Protein backbone atom coordinates (compact mmCIF):
# COMPACT_ATOMS: atom_id res chain seq x y z
CA MET A 1 109.73 94.76 61.69
CA GLN A 2 108.05 92.57 64.31
CA LEU A 3 111.47 91.54 65.64
CA TYR A 4 112.46 95.21 65.93
CA GLY A 5 109.32 95.96 67.93
CA ALA A 6 109.89 92.95 70.17
CA LEU A 7 113.45 94.07 70.88
CA LEU A 8 112.20 97.52 71.85
CA LEU A 9 109.76 95.96 74.31
CA LEU A 10 112.28 93.48 75.68
CA PRO A 11 113.90 95.72 78.38
CA ALA A 12 110.52 96.73 79.79
CA ALA A 13 109.30 93.12 79.65
CA ILE A 14 112.38 91.90 81.52
CA LEU A 15 111.93 94.52 84.24
CA LEU A 16 108.22 93.77 84.53
CA ALA A 17 108.80 90.04 84.75
CA THR A 18 111.66 90.40 87.24
CA PHE A 19 110.02 92.83 89.63
CA ALA A 20 106.30 92.06 89.18
CA TYR A 21 105.39 88.67 87.73
CA LEU A 22 108.12 86.47 89.20
CA PRO A 23 107.75 87.88 92.76
CA THR A 24 103.98 87.41 92.51
CA ILE A 25 104.37 83.78 91.45
CA ALA A 26 106.95 83.17 94.20
CA THR A 27 104.62 84.73 96.79
CA VAL A 28 101.72 82.51 95.72
CA ILE A 29 103.96 79.42 95.95
CA ASN A 30 105.29 80.43 99.38
CA SER A 31 101.76 80.83 100.69
CA LEU A 32 101.11 77.13 99.99
CA PHE A 33 104.07 75.81 101.98
CA LEU A 34 105.24 75.72 105.56
CA PRO A 35 108.94 76.52 106.01
CA GLY A 36 111.19 73.81 107.33
CA PHE A 37 112.97 74.32 110.65
CA ARG A 38 116.55 73.32 111.47
CA GLY A 39 117.27 72.19 107.95
CA ALA A 40 114.02 70.29 107.42
CA PRO A 41 112.47 70.62 103.95
CA THR A 42 109.43 72.79 103.36
CA GLU A 43 106.06 71.09 103.60
CA PHE A 44 103.19 71.59 101.17
CA VAL A 45 100.03 72.42 103.13
CA GLY A 46 97.80 73.78 100.37
CA MET A 47 95.14 76.17 101.67
CA GLU A 48 95.92 75.54 105.34
CA ASN A 49 97.81 78.82 105.65
CA TYR A 50 94.75 80.69 104.40
CA GLN A 51 92.54 78.87 106.91
CA VAL A 52 94.88 79.83 109.74
CA LEU A 53 94.91 83.42 108.51
CA PHE A 54 91.13 83.65 108.30
CA ASP A 55 90.86 82.27 111.85
CA ASP A 56 93.18 84.99 113.14
CA PRO A 57 91.22 87.82 114.83
CA THR A 58 94.14 90.22 114.40
CA PHE A 59 93.97 89.81 110.63
CA TRP A 60 90.27 90.70 110.60
CA LYS A 61 90.91 93.71 112.82
CA VAL A 62 93.63 94.90 110.46
CA ALA A 63 91.38 94.27 107.44
CA ARG A 64 88.60 96.27 109.11
CA ASN A 65 91.05 99.10 109.79
CA ASN A 66 92.09 99.07 106.14
CA LEU A 67 88.47 99.17 105.00
CA ILE A 68 87.81 102.18 107.24
CA TYR A 69 91.00 103.80 105.99
CA ALA A 70 89.99 103.25 102.35
CA VAL A 71 86.46 104.58 102.90
CA GLY A 72 87.90 107.59 104.72
CA THR A 73 90.64 108.47 102.24
CA ILE A 74 89.43 107.53 98.76
CA PRO A 75 86.21 109.58 98.39
CA THR A 76 87.51 112.45 100.53
CA SER A 77 90.79 112.88 98.67
CA ILE A 78 89.11 112.59 95.27
CA ALA A 79 86.35 115.08 96.14
CA LEU A 80 88.87 117.49 97.63
CA ALA A 81 91.15 117.13 94.60
CA LEU A 82 88.27 117.90 92.23
CA CYS A 83 87.23 120.95 94.25
CA MET A 84 90.80 122.25 94.31
CA ALA A 85 91.18 121.68 90.56
CA LEU A 86 87.96 123.55 89.82
CA PHE A 87 89.10 126.39 92.07
CA VAL A 88 92.58 126.84 90.57
CA ASN A 89 91.30 126.35 87.02
CA GLY A 90 89.23 129.52 87.21
CA LYS A 91 90.24 133.14 87.07
CA LEU A 92 92.17 133.61 90.28
CA ARG A 93 94.76 136.11 91.38
CA GLY A 94 97.99 134.33 92.26
CA ARG A 95 96.73 131.15 90.63
CA GLY A 96 100.22 129.73 90.11
CA PHE A 97 101.09 130.19 93.78
CA VAL A 98 97.86 128.51 94.89
CA ARG A 99 98.49 125.55 92.58
CA MET A 100 101.99 125.20 93.97
CA ALA A 101 100.66 125.36 97.55
CA TYR A 102 98.12 122.61 96.84
CA PHE A 103 100.71 120.41 95.16
CA THR A 104 103.53 120.91 97.69
CA PRO A 105 102.45 118.11 100.09
CA THR A 106 102.71 115.64 97.22
CA ILE A 107 106.40 116.28 96.56
CA LEU A 108 107.35 115.92 100.22
CA PRO A 109 108.85 112.52 101.06
CA MET A 110 106.40 110.49 103.12
CA ILE A 111 108.87 110.21 106.00
CA ALA A 112 109.25 114.01 106.11
CA ALA A 113 105.48 114.51 105.94
CA ALA A 114 104.95 112.00 108.76
CA ASN A 115 107.47 113.80 110.94
CA ILE A 116 105.72 117.12 110.30
CA TRP A 117 102.38 115.67 111.31
CA MET A 118 103.91 113.99 114.34
CA PHE A 119 104.72 117.50 115.55
CA PHE A 120 101.12 118.54 114.84
CA TYR A 121 99.78 115.56 116.81
CA ALA A 122 102.23 115.68 119.75
CA PRO A 123 100.21 115.55 123.03
CA GLN A 124 101.99 118.33 124.93
CA ILE A 125 103.60 120.63 122.38
CA GLY A 126 101.63 119.74 119.27
CA LEU A 127 100.07 122.45 117.13
CA PHE A 128 96.57 121.00 117.28
CA ASN A 129 96.51 120.70 121.06
CA LYS A 130 97.94 124.20 121.38
CA LEU A 131 95.06 125.50 119.26
CA LEU A 132 92.54 123.52 121.33
CA GLY A 133 94.06 124.90 124.52
CA ALA A 134 93.82 128.46 123.19
CA LEU A 135 90.12 127.86 122.55
CA GLY A 136 89.59 126.48 126.07
CA PHE A 137 89.40 122.78 125.18
CA SER A 138 91.46 119.98 126.64
CA GLY A 139 94.09 118.31 124.46
CA VAL A 140 93.65 115.03 122.63
CA ASN A 141 96.12 112.17 122.40
CA TRP A 142 95.76 112.04 118.64
CA LEU A 143 98.00 109.04 118.01
CA GLY A 144 97.71 107.33 121.40
CA ASP A 145 93.93 107.11 121.71
CA PRO A 146 92.55 104.07 119.81
CA ASN A 147 89.34 105.98 119.10
CA VAL A 148 91.00 108.80 117.17
CA ALA A 149 94.37 107.38 116.04
CA LEU A 150 93.13 105.91 112.74
CA GLY A 151 91.20 109.08 111.96
CA SER A 152 94.36 111.09 112.54
CA VAL A 153 96.25 108.93 110.04
CA ILE A 154 93.40 109.33 107.53
CA VAL A 155 93.56 113.13 107.79
CA MET A 156 97.28 113.12 107.09
CA SER A 157 96.85 110.79 104.11
CA VAL A 158 94.14 112.96 102.55
CA TRP A 159 96.38 116.01 102.97
CA LYS A 160 99.19 114.14 101.21
CA GLU A 161 97.19 112.67 98.32
CA ALA A 162 94.67 115.35 97.35
CA GLY A 163 97.23 117.59 95.65
CA PHE A 164 98.51 114.70 93.57
CA PHE A 165 95.04 113.86 92.27
CA MET A 166 94.34 117.56 91.71
CA ILE A 167 97.00 117.67 88.98
CA PHE A 168 95.20 115.02 86.93
CA TYR A 169 91.84 116.75 87.30
CA LEU A 170 93.39 120.10 86.42
CA ALA A 171 94.89 118.66 83.24
CA ALA A 172 91.53 117.09 82.34
CA LEU A 173 89.67 120.36 82.96
CA GLN A 174 92.05 122.24 80.69
CA GLY A 175 91.37 119.67 77.99
CA ILE A 176 87.63 120.37 77.91
CA PRO A 177 86.77 122.50 74.84
CA PRO A 178 85.81 126.05 75.91
CA GLU A 179 83.09 126.04 73.25
CA LEU A 180 80.99 123.83 75.49
CA LYS A 181 80.97 126.47 78.25
CA GLU A 182 80.20 129.21 75.75
CA ALA A 183 77.26 127.22 74.37
CA SER A 184 75.92 126.55 77.86
CA ASP A 185 76.13 130.26 78.72
CA LEU A 186 74.11 131.08 75.60
CA GLU A 187 71.49 128.56 76.69
CA GLY A 188 71.39 130.05 80.18
CA THR A 189 72.55 126.83 81.87
CA SER A 190 73.49 127.18 85.52
CA ARG A 191 77.01 126.37 86.69
CA TRP A 192 75.72 123.41 88.71
CA SER A 193 73.89 121.90 85.73
CA PHE A 194 76.87 122.46 83.45
CA PHE A 195 79.13 120.70 85.95
CA TRP A 196 76.92 117.62 86.39
CA ARG A 197 75.80 117.30 82.78
CA VAL A 198 78.98 118.27 80.92
CA THR A 199 82.11 118.67 83.08
CA PHE A 200 81.78 115.68 85.38
CA PRO A 201 80.91 113.16 82.61
CA LEU A 202 83.94 114.35 80.64
CA LEU A 203 86.09 113.86 83.74
CA MET A 204 85.06 110.22 84.17
CA PRO A 205 88.21 108.78 82.50
CA THR A 206 90.30 110.79 84.94
CA THR A 207 88.06 109.78 87.82
CA LEU A 208 88.46 106.12 86.91
CA PHE A 209 92.24 106.50 86.78
CA VAL A 210 92.30 108.34 90.12
CA LEU A 211 90.01 105.75 91.73
CA ILE A 212 92.33 102.89 90.81
CA ASN A 213 95.38 104.79 92.06
CA SER A 214 93.68 105.77 95.30
CA LEU A 215 92.62 102.16 95.83
CA ILE A 216 96.22 101.00 95.44
CA ASN A 217 97.42 103.78 97.75
CA SER A 218 94.95 102.73 100.42
CA VAL A 219 96.57 99.31 100.80
CA ARG A 220 100.24 100.22 100.43
CA VAL A 221 100.61 102.26 103.59
CA VAL A 222 103.81 101.42 105.47
CA ASP A 223 106.21 104.30 105.83
CA HIS A 224 104.14 106.90 107.66
CA LEU A 225 102.64 104.23 109.93
CA PHE A 226 106.19 103.25 110.84
CA ILE A 227 106.91 106.85 111.85
CA LEU A 228 103.60 107.80 113.45
CA THR A 229 102.16 104.80 115.28
CA LYS A 230 103.88 101.53 114.30
CA GLY A 231 100.37 100.11 113.97
CA GLY A 232 99.37 100.97 117.52
CA PRO A 233 97.86 101.52 119.94
CA ASN A 234 96.69 97.91 120.20
CA ASN A 235 96.60 97.52 116.38
CA ALA A 236 94.18 100.45 116.11
CA THR A 237 96.07 101.86 113.11
CA ASN A 238 97.57 98.65 111.76
CA LEU A 239 96.85 98.25 108.04
CA LEU A 240 97.31 95.29 105.73
CA LEU A 241 100.64 96.09 104.12
CA TYR A 242 102.15 97.17 107.42
CA TYR A 243 100.87 93.88 108.86
CA VAL A 244 102.73 92.12 106.04
CA TYR A 245 105.85 94.09 106.93
CA GLU A 246 105.51 93.14 110.60
CA ASN A 247 105.11 89.45 109.87
CA ALA A 248 107.96 89.36 107.36
CA PHE A 249 110.58 91.50 109.08
CA SER A 250 109.59 91.74 112.76
CA PHE A 251 108.14 88.28 113.42
CA PHE A 252 110.12 86.57 110.59
CA ASP A 253 106.96 84.73 109.54
CA ARG A 254 107.40 84.87 105.78
CA THR A 255 104.64 82.34 105.13
CA THR A 256 101.96 84.46 106.81
CA ALA A 257 103.29 87.55 105.05
CA ALA A 258 103.04 85.78 101.68
CA THR A 259 99.51 84.59 102.45
CA ILE A 260 98.32 88.08 103.38
CA THR A 261 99.96 89.48 100.23
CA VAL A 262 98.07 87.03 98.01
CA VAL A 263 94.80 87.97 99.71
CA ILE A 264 95.55 91.66 99.14
CA LEU A 265 96.30 91.06 95.44
CA LEU A 266 93.08 89.10 94.98
CA VAL A 267 90.97 91.77 96.68
CA LEU A 268 92.60 94.52 94.62
CA ALA A 269 92.02 92.56 91.41
CA VAL A 270 88.34 91.99 92.20
CA VAL A 271 87.67 95.60 93.23
CA ALA A 272 89.56 97.02 90.23
CA THR A 273 87.63 94.72 87.87
CA LEU A 274 84.33 95.85 89.37
CA LYS A 275 85.34 99.48 89.03
CA PHE A 276 86.28 99.05 85.38
CA THR A 277 83.10 97.07 84.68
CA ILE A 278 80.72 99.52 86.35
CA LEU A 279 82.36 102.87 85.69
CA ASP A 280 83.52 102.14 82.15
CA ARG A 281 79.90 102.12 81.03
CA ARG A 282 79.53 105.68 82.28
CA THR A 283 82.86 106.88 80.97
CA HIS A 284 82.96 109.18 77.96
CA TYR A 285 86.27 109.08 76.12
CA GLN A 286 87.09 112.02 73.91
C-alpha cells in the first residue's frame, strides 16, 4: 500500500525536483563561483559575489523600487479584492455580469494587458492625457517621468490582480454559514461590527493565502515591465526579477543573476515565515 502511494506521488515529485529543487540548488552553487573566461575553469569565491552585489548602488535602487511596488500593490489589491467580493456577494442586479467584469482583467495575458495600458499612458494620444486635456490640465509622461513611472506600473498591476484575489474572497464569503448573519440580525448587530467580528476573522485563511500569493507576485514582475518601460527611465521602474533577467540575458552575467535570485528566495522565505507565524495565530479554520 505504501509502495502504491509512493508511485502515485512519483510523477509530481519528479516534476517538482526537476523544475524547483534542482534549479534552486544549481543557482545557489553558481552564486558561489566566478565563471571562467576563454576556457579557464570556474573559480570558487564564496560570499564575494554577495559582497559585490551589496556594494552595487543599482541593486539597492532596484530593491527599493521593489519594496515600494510591494507596499503599493499588496495591500491595495487585497483591500480592493475584498471590497469587490463583498459587493458582488450581495443582492445585486446583473451580479453575474459584474463578477465577469471584475474578473476579466485576470484572464487577459499580461502582454496584452500591458499593451492596453501602454495606450492609456501614451503621452500624446493616450486616454489618460486626453481626459486631463478635456479637464483643462496638461498631460503627464506617465511612463517617461521617473517620479510617476513606478506609480503607473503599480496602478496597472492592481487592476490586473484584484479580480483574481476577488474570486478567492467570494468563494470564502459563500462558505460562511448564513445562520451567523441571521443571528447577528436578531441581536441587532450593525453591518460594520458583523464584518469585523465575524466575517473578517473567518476570512483570515483566505487572507493568508492571498497575502502569500501577492508577495510572490510582487517579486516576479518581468513581462509587463518589458513591454511598458524596460526598467526605465534610469532604473525608476526596474524591479528585482527584471534585474535578474537583464543580468542573465542582456548583460550575460549569469553569476550576478544567480546571486540576486538567491537573495530574492531568502527574503521571500523569511517574509513568508513571518506571515505564517504572526497571522496563523489569528486565523480561524473552519
